[in-house]
C-alpha atoms as a PDB file:
ATOM      1  CA  MET A   1      -0.251   0.176   0.015  1.00  0.00           C
ATOM      2  CA  PRO A   2       0.913   3.372  -0.545  1.00  0.00           C
ATOM      3  CA  ASN A   3       3.101   5.798   2.179  1.00  0.00           C
ATOM      4  CA  PHE A   4       1.092   8.675   2.173  1.00  0.00           C
ATOM      5  CA  SER A   5       3.375   9.774   4.986  1.00  0.00           C
ATOM      6  CA  LEU A   6       4.682  11.556   1.534  1.00  0.00           C
ATOM      7  CA  VAL A   7       2.433  13.756   1.164  1.00  0.00           C
ATOM      8  CA  PRO A   8       3.510  16.765   0.483  1.00  0.00           C
ATOM      9  CA  GLN A   9       1.596  18.710   3.410  1.00  0.00           C
ATOM     10  CA  LYS A  10       4.075  21.214   4.838  1.00  0.00           C
ATOM     11  CA  LYS A  11       4.226  23.541   1.000  1.00  0.00           C
ATOM     12  CA  GLN A  12       0.445  23.262   1.186  1.00  0.00           C
ATOM     13  CA  ALA A  13      -0.019  24.823   4.984  1.00  0.00           C
ATOM     14  CA  LYS A  14       2.591  27.193   4.161  1.00  0.00           C
ATOM     15  CA  GLU A  15       1.007  28.386   0.956  1.00  0.00           C
ATOM     16  CA  SER A  16      -2.861  28.925   3.266  1.00  0.00           C
ATOM     17  CA  HIS A  17      -1.022  30.610   6.320  1.00  0.00           C
ATOM     18  CA  GLN A  18       1.047  33.552   3.056  1.00  0.00           C
ATOM     19  CA  SER A  19      -2.154  33.954   1.582  1.00  0.00           C
ATOM     20  CA  VAL A  20      -4.015  34.613   5.228  1.00  0.00           C
ATOM     21  CA  LYS A  21      -1.192  36.455   5.919  1.00  0.00           C
ATOM     22  CA  ARG A  22      -1.752  38.694   3.475  1.00  0.00           C
ATOM     23  CA  LEU A  23      -5.385  39.331   3.379  1.00  0.00           C
ATOM     24  CA  LEU A  24      -4.912  40.431   6.938  1.00  0.00           C
ATOM     25  CA  LEU A  25      -1.989  42.819   6.260  1.00  0.00           C
ATOM     26  CA  VAL A  26      -4.710  44.105   2.699  1.00  0.00           C
ATOM     27  CA  LEU A  27      -7.804  44.303   5.488  1.00  0.00           C
ATOM     28  CA  ILE A  28      -5.925  45.750   8.099  1.00  0.00           C
ATOM     29  CA  GLY A  29      -4.118  48.220   5.522  1.00  0.00           C
ATOM     30  CA  SER A  30      -7.643  49.283   4.317  1.00  0.00           C
ATOM     31  CA  VAL A  31      -9.173  49.985   7.487  1.00  0.00           C
ATOM     32  CA  PHE A  32      -6.008  52.340   8.353  1.00  0.00           C
ATOM     33  CA  PHE A  33      -6.010  54.380   4.998  1.00  0.00           C
ATOM     34  CA  ILE A  34      -9.913  54.754   5.137  1.00  0.00           C
ATOM     35  CA  GLU A  35     -10.534  55.774   8.369  1.00  0.00           C
ATOM     36  CA  ALA A  36      -7.400  58.445   7.657  1.00  0.00           C
ATOM     37  CA  PHE A  37      -9.183  59.353   4.672  1.00  0.00           C
ATOM     38  CA  VAL A  38     -12.162  59.617   6.463  1.00  0.00           C
ATOM     39  CA  MET A  39     -10.907  61.392   9.444  1.00  0.00           C
ATOM     40  CA  ASN A  40      -9.699  64.355   7.159  1.00  0.00           C
ATOM     41  CA  LEU A  41     -13.503  64.351   5.530  1.00  0.00           C
ATOM     42  CA  MET A  42     -14.759  65.561   8.774  1.00  0.00           C
ATOM     43  CA  HIS A  43     -11.698  67.980   9.170  1.00  0.00           C
ATOM     44  CA  TRP A  44     -13.355  69.437   6.149  1.00  0.00           C
ATOM     45  CA  LEU A  45     -17.639  69.209   7.108  1.00  0.00           C
ATOM     46  CA  PRO A  46     -19.513  72.186   9.190  1.00  0.00           C
ATOM     47  CA  PRO A  47     -19.067  71.290  13.396  1.00  0.00           C
ATOM     48  CA  THR A  48     -21.282  68.501  14.256  1.00  0.00           C
ATOM     49  CA  SER A  49     -21.872  67.142  18.062  1.00  0.00           C
ATOM     50  CA  LYS A  50     -19.990  65.088  19.185  1.00  0.00           C
ATOM     51  CA  THR A  51     -22.503  61.912  18.942  1.00  0.00           C
ATOM     52  CA  PHE A  52     -23.397  62.677  15.367  1.00  0.00           C
ATOM     53  CA  GLY A  53     -19.407  63.451  13.980  1.00  0.00           C
ATOM     54  CA  ALA A  54     -18.805  59.411  15.691  1.00  0.00           C
ATOM     55  CA  LEU A  55     -22.042  58.466  13.638  1.00  0.00           C
ATOM     56  CA  LEU A  56     -21.297  59.764  10.614  1.00  0.00           C
ATOM     57  CA  ASP A  57     -17.347  58.529  10.750  1.00  0.00           C
ATOM     58  CA  ALA A  58     -18.831  55.221  11.748  1.00  0.00           C
ATOM     59  CA  ALA A  59     -21.190  55.154   8.956  1.00  0.00           C
ATOM     60  CA  LEU A  60     -18.593  56.245   6.349  1.00  0.00           C
ATOM     61  CA  LEU A  61     -16.432  54.016   6.744  1.00  0.00           C
ATOM     62  CA  SER A  62     -18.720  51.104   6.827  1.00  0.00           C
ATOM     63  CA  LEU A  63     -19.684  52.431   3.264  1.00  0.00           C
ATOM     64  CA  LEU A  64     -16.124  52.160   1.978  1.00  0.00           C
ATOM     65  CA  LEU A  65     -14.932  49.271   3.379  1.00  0.00           C
ATOM     66  CA  PHE A  66     -18.032  46.770   2.765  1.00  0.00           C
ATOM     67  CA  PRO A  67     -16.826  46.120  -0.718  1.00  0.00           C
ATOM     68  CA  ILE A  68     -13.685  45.174   0.338  1.00  0.00           C
ATOM     69  CA  PHE A  69     -14.484  43.243   2.985  1.00  0.00           C
ATOM     70  CA  TYR A  70     -17.196  41.413   0.182  1.00  0.00           C
ATOM     71  CA  TYR A  71     -14.773  40.857  -2.606  1.00  0.00           C
ATOM     72  CA  LEU A  72     -12.304  39.382   0.178  1.00  0.00           C
ATOM     73  CA  ILE A  73     -13.901  37.604   2.828  1.00  0.00           C
ATOM     74  CA  PHE A  74     -17.577  36.852   1.936  1.00  0.00           C
ATOM     75  CA  ARG A  75     -17.888  36.273  -1.658  1.00  0.00           C
ATOM     76  CA  PRO A  76     -14.956  33.774  -1.424  1.00  0.00           C
ATOM     77  CA  LEU A  77     -16.516  32.674   1.128  1.00  0.00           C
ATOM     78  CA  ILE A  78     -20.419  32.330  -0.147  1.00  0.00           C
ATOM     79  CA  ARG A  79     -18.548  30.544  -3.510  1.00  0.00           C
ATOM     80  CA  ASN A  80     -16.126  28.242  -0.320  1.00  0.00           C
ATOM     81  CA  ILE A  81     -19.245  27.192   0.932  1.00  0.00           C
ATOM     82  CA  GLU A  82     -21.431  26.248  -2.433  1.00  0.00           C
ATOM     83  CA  GLU A  83     -18.669  23.892  -3.733  1.00  0.00           C
ATOM     84  CA  ARG A  84     -18.403  21.805  -0.778  1.00  0.00           C
ATOM     85  CA  LYS A  85     -22.224  21.072  -1.058  1.00  0.00           C
ATOM     86  CA  ARG A  86     -22.107  20.238  -4.652  1.00  0.00           C
ATOM     87  CA  ALA A  87     -18.544  17.790  -3.550  1.00  0.00           C
ATOM     88  CA  GLU A  88     -20.675  17.277  -0.584  1.00  0.00           C
ATOM     89  CA  ASP A  89     -24.205  16.215  -3.804  1.00  0.00           C
ATOM     90  CA  ASP A  90     -21.574  14.889  -5.972  1.00  0.00           C
ATOM     91  CA  LEU A  91     -19.953  12.040  -3.276  1.00  0.00           C
ATOM     92  CA  ARG A  92     -24.144  11.275  -1.573  1.00  0.00           C
ATOM     93  CA  ILE A  93     -24.440  10.282  -6.154  1.00  0.00           C
ATOM     94  CA  ALA A  94     -21.388   8.546  -5.455  1.00  0.00           C
ATOM     95  CA  ALA A  95     -21.754   6.994  -2.916  1.00  0.00           C
ATOM     96  CA  VAL A  96     -23.980   4.078  -4.183  1.00  0.00           C
ATOM     97  CA  ALA A  97     -21.501   3.032  -7.725  1.00  0.00           C
ATOM     98  CA  PHE A  98     -19.026   3.631  -4.818  1.00  0.00           C
ATOM     99  CA  GLU A  99     -20.240   0.118  -2.999  1.00  0.00           C
ATOM    100  CA  ILE A 100     -21.902  -1.753  -5.883  1.00  0.00           C
ATOM    101  CA  LYS A 101     -17.920  -1.620  -7.270  1.00  0.00           C
ATOM    102  CA  ASP A 102     -14.971  -3.558  -6.802  1.00  0.00           C
ATOM    103  CA  PRO A 103     -12.866  -3.276  -2.961  1.00  0.00           C
ATOM    104  CA  SER A 104     -12.954   0.631  -2.673  1.00  0.00           C
ATOM    105  CA  ILE A 105     -11.699   3.150  -0.078  1.00  0.00           C
ATOM    106  CA  ILE A 106     -11.570   7.315   0.003  1.00  0.00           C
ATOM    107  CA  THR A 107      -9.046   9.339   1.878  1.00  0.00           C
ATOM    108  CA  ASP A 108      -8.548  13.285   1.987  1.00  0.00           C
ATOM    109  CA  ALA A 109      -5.791  15.338   1.050  1.00  0.00           C
ATOM    110  CA  ASN A 110      -3.658  14.460   3.454  1.00  0.00           C
ATOM    111  CA  ALA A 111      -4.504  10.501   2.795  1.00  0.00           C
ATOM    112  CA  ASN A 112      -6.258  10.331   6.418  1.00  0.00           C
ATOM    113  CA  ILE A 113      -8.974   7.327   5.486  1.00  0.00           C
ATOM    114  CA  ILE A 114     -12.604   8.636   5.239  1.00  0.00           C
ATOM    115  CA  ARG A 115     -14.856   6.080   3.481  1.00  0.00           C
ATOM    116  CA  ALA A 116     -14.026   2.354   2.281  1.00  0.00           C
ATOM    117  CA  ASN A 117     -15.903   0.504   0.848  1.00  0.00           C
ATOM    118  CA  LYS A 118     -18.540  -3.059   2.097  1.00  0.00           C
ATOM    119  CA  LYS A 119     -16.279  -5.826  -0.060  1.00  0.00           C
ATOM    120  CA  PHE A 120     -13.429  -3.630   1.067  1.00  0.00           C
ATOM    121  CA  LEU A 121     -13.587  -4.288   4.798  1.00  0.00           C
ATOM    122  CA  ASP A 122     -14.303  -8.417   4.536  1.00  0.00           C
ATOM    123  CA  LYS A 123     -11.680  -8.575   2.680  1.00  0.00           C
ATOM    124  CA  LEU A 124      -9.482  -7.657   4.833  1.00  0.00           C
ATOM    125  CA  GLY A 125     -11.303  -8.223   8.594  1.00  0.00           C
ATOM    126  CA  TYR A 126     -11.512  -4.313   9.391  1.00  0.00           C
ATOM    127  CA  SER A 127     -14.845  -2.217  10.591  1.00  0.00           C
ATOM    128  CA  MET A 128     -15.561   1.163   9.501  1.00  0.00           C
ATOM    129  CA  GLU A 129     -14.578   2.013  12.779  1.00  0.00           C
ATOM    130  CA  GLU A 130     -11.263   0.952  12.980  1.00  0.00           C
ATOM    131  CA  ILE A 131      -9.415   2.114  10.121  1.00  0.00           C
ATOM    132  CA  VAL A 132     -11.555   5.429   9.423  1.00  0.00           C
ATOM    133  CA  GLY A 133      -8.924   8.216  10.147  1.00  0.00           C
ATOM    134  CA  GLN A 134      -5.619   6.052   9.950  1.00  0.00           C
ATOM    135  CA  ASN A 135      -2.939   5.450   7.269  1.00  0.00           C
ATOM    136  CA  PRO A 136      -3.533   3.652   4.711  1.00  0.00           C
ATOM    137  CA  ARG A 137      -0.223   2.815   5.669  1.00  0.00           C
ATOM    138  CA  MET A 138      -1.463   0.079   8.322  1.00  0.00           C
ATOM    139  CA  PHE A 139      -2.246  -2.458   5.377  1.00  0.00           C
ATOM    140  CA  LYS A 140       1.851  -2.281   4.143  1.00  0.00           C
ATOM    141  CA  SER A 141       2.589  -5.868   3.606  1.00  0.00           C
ATOM    142  CA  GLY A 142       6.787  -5.012   4.417  1.00  0.00           C
ATOM    143  CA  MET A 143       6.903  -6.458   0.633  1.00  0.00           C
ATOM    144  CA  HIS A 144       7.653  -3.435  -1.120  1.00  0.00           C
ATOM    145  CA  ASP A 145      11.072  -0.873   0.083  1.00  0.00           C
ATOM    146  CA  GLN A 146      10.487   2.065  -0.004  1.00  0.00           C
ATOM    147  CA  LYS A 147      11.835   3.431  -3.300  1.00  0.00           C
ATOM    148  CA  TYR A 148       9.002   1.706  -4.749  1.00  0.00           C
ATOM    149  CA  TYR A 149       6.527   4.295  -2.702  1.00  0.00           C
ATOM    150  CA  GLU A 150       8.563   7.444  -3.768  1.00  0.00           C
ATOM    151  CA  GLN A 151       8.472   5.865  -7.283  1.00  0.00           C
ATOM    152  CA  LEU A 152       4.463   5.264  -6.928  1.00  0.00           C
ATOM    153  CA  TRP A 153       4.242   8.911  -5.401  1.00  0.00           C
ATOM    154  CA  LYS A 154       5.324  10.354  -8.127  1.00  0.00           C
ATOM    155  CA  ARG A 155       4.033   8.940 -10.716  1.00  0.00           C
ATOM    156  CA  LEU A 156       0.220   9.956  -8.450  1.00  0.00           C
ATOM    157  CA  LEU A 157       1.138  13.176  -7.866  1.00  0.00           C
ATOM    158  CA  GLN A 158       3.056  13.918 -11.758  1.00  0.00           C
ATOM    159  CA  THR A 159       0.435  11.950 -13.568  1.00  0.00           C
ATOM    160  CA  GLY A 160      -2.244  12.267 -10.898  1.00  0.00           C
ATOM    161  CA  SER A 161      -2.882   8.820 -10.872  1.00  0.00           C
ATOM    162  CA  TRP A 162      -1.227   5.124 -10.569  1.00  0.00           C
ATOM    163  CA  SER A 163      -2.176   1.785 -11.190  1.00  0.00           C
ATOM    164  CA  GLY A 164       0.022  -1.618 -10.888  1.00  0.00           C
ATOM    165  CA  GLU A 165       0.381  -4.541  -8.875  1.00  0.00           C
ATOM    166  CA  ILE A 166       0.895  -4.696  -4.706  1.00  0.00           C
ATOM    167  CA  ARG A 167       0.327  -7.020  -2.196  1.00  0.00           C
ATOM    168  CA  ILE A 168      -1.760  -5.638   0.956  1.00  0.00           C
ATOM    169  CA  LYS A 169      -2.242  -7.552   4.456  1.00  0.00           C
ATOM    170  CA  THR A 170      -6.127  -7.572   6.535  1.00  0.00           C
ATOM    171  CA  LYS A 171      -6.532  -7.350  10.337  1.00  0.00           C
ATOM    172  CA  GLU A 172      -5.464 -11.026  11.562  1.00  0.00           C
ATOM    173  CA  GLY A 173      -1.534 -10.477   9.402  1.00  0.00           C
ATOM    174  CA  ARG A 174      -2.555 -12.954   6.061  1.00  0.00           C
ATOM    175  CA  ILE A 175      -0.994 -11.374   2.851  1.00  0.00           C
ATOM    176  CA  LEU A 176      -3.422 -11.745   0.608  1.00  0.00           C
ATOM    177  CA  HIS A 177      -1.795 -12.123  -3.214  1.00  0.00           C
ATOM    178  CA  PRO A 178      -0.905  -9.746  -5.655  1.00  0.00           C
ATOM    179  CA  PHE A 179      -3.612  -7.880  -7.524  1.00  0.00           C
ATOM    180  CA  TRP A 180      -4.136  -4.744  -9.115  1.00  0.00           C
ATOM    181  CA  LEU A 181      -4.435  -1.324  -7.398  1.00  0.00           C
ATOM    182  CA  THR A 182      -5.027   1.857  -9.209  1.00  0.00           C
ATOM    183  CA  ILE A 183      -5.351   5.578  -7.349  1.00  0.00           C
ATOM    184  CA  THR A 184      -6.414   8.219  -8.456  1.00  0.00           C
ATOM    185  CA  ALA A 185      -6.495  11.755  -7.390  1.00  0.00           C
ATOM    186  CA  ILE A 186      -9.675  13.901  -6.926  1.00  0.00           C
ATOM    187  CA  LYS A 187      -8.879  17.592  -8.051  1.00  0.00           C
ATOM    188  CA  ASN A 188     -11.377  20.475  -7.253  1.00  0.00           C
ATOM    189  CA  GLU A 189     -12.256  23.443  -9.989  1.00  0.00           C
ATOM    190  CA  GLN A 190      -8.723  24.876  -8.874  1.00  0.00           C
ATOM    191  CA  GLN A 191      -7.480  21.342  -9.587  1.00  0.00           C
ATOM    192  CA  GLU A 192      -5.669  20.603  -6.614  1.00  0.00           C
ATOM    193  CA  THR A 193      -6.927  17.632  -5.086  1.00  0.00           C
ATOM    194  CA  THR A 194      -9.336  17.149  -2.149  1.00  0.00           C
ATOM    195  CA  HIS A 195      -9.099  13.426  -1.909  1.00  0.00           C
ATOM    196  CA  TYR A 196      -7.433  10.424  -3.717  1.00  0.00           C
ATOM    197  CA  ILE A 197      -9.065   7.016  -4.129  1.00  0.00           C
ATOM    198  CA  GLY A 198      -7.838   3.622  -4.173  1.00  0.00           C
ATOM    199  CA  ILE A 199     -10.026   0.893  -6.138  1.00  0.00           C
ATOM    200  CA  TYR A 200      -8.165  -2.720  -5.720  1.00  0.00           C
ATOM    201  CA  ASN A 201      -9.193  -5.276  -8.273  1.00  0.00           C
ATOM    202  CA  PHE A 202      -8.234  -9.017  -6.352  1.00  0.00           C
END
């Protein structure tokens, strides 16, 4: 079974962290410059009471900041929610086909198992609760060296899929006969890998 610990998670986490930092800097800078603009504008208006001036300041600041917050936060958030809903709908539709095909497992982008069909569980002797959240290396037979898994992952990351003969062991430790495994990366609209699916042809 592929050594999913080789997934380049650090790079993805670093890019995500940098994006959040850039967004925070833009928002902080926007608030600073717009507030400076509003204060300068208030200086040229006729004198008013303290309460009215504070309300006018807050209203102008909110009005000018709304488009920035909308396009940088609210709009991407709404789009993200819609994409997640579409993905959930697709997974529900695929669930029926998933149960009637060959023994299969699905992992998230970090290679943690999120689902396995009944054929896979029956073949290896596990329950769903025992494998969900685990790494598929728990099925390794020990009959493939590190170079084998490195080449597997290199191919998978370059092309989005890998197929080859492999051996795994059951819960009782029995090594199964060689069989054909196909791993496919599932990508979203931004071509980012969201899941991996492994289909076993015993």
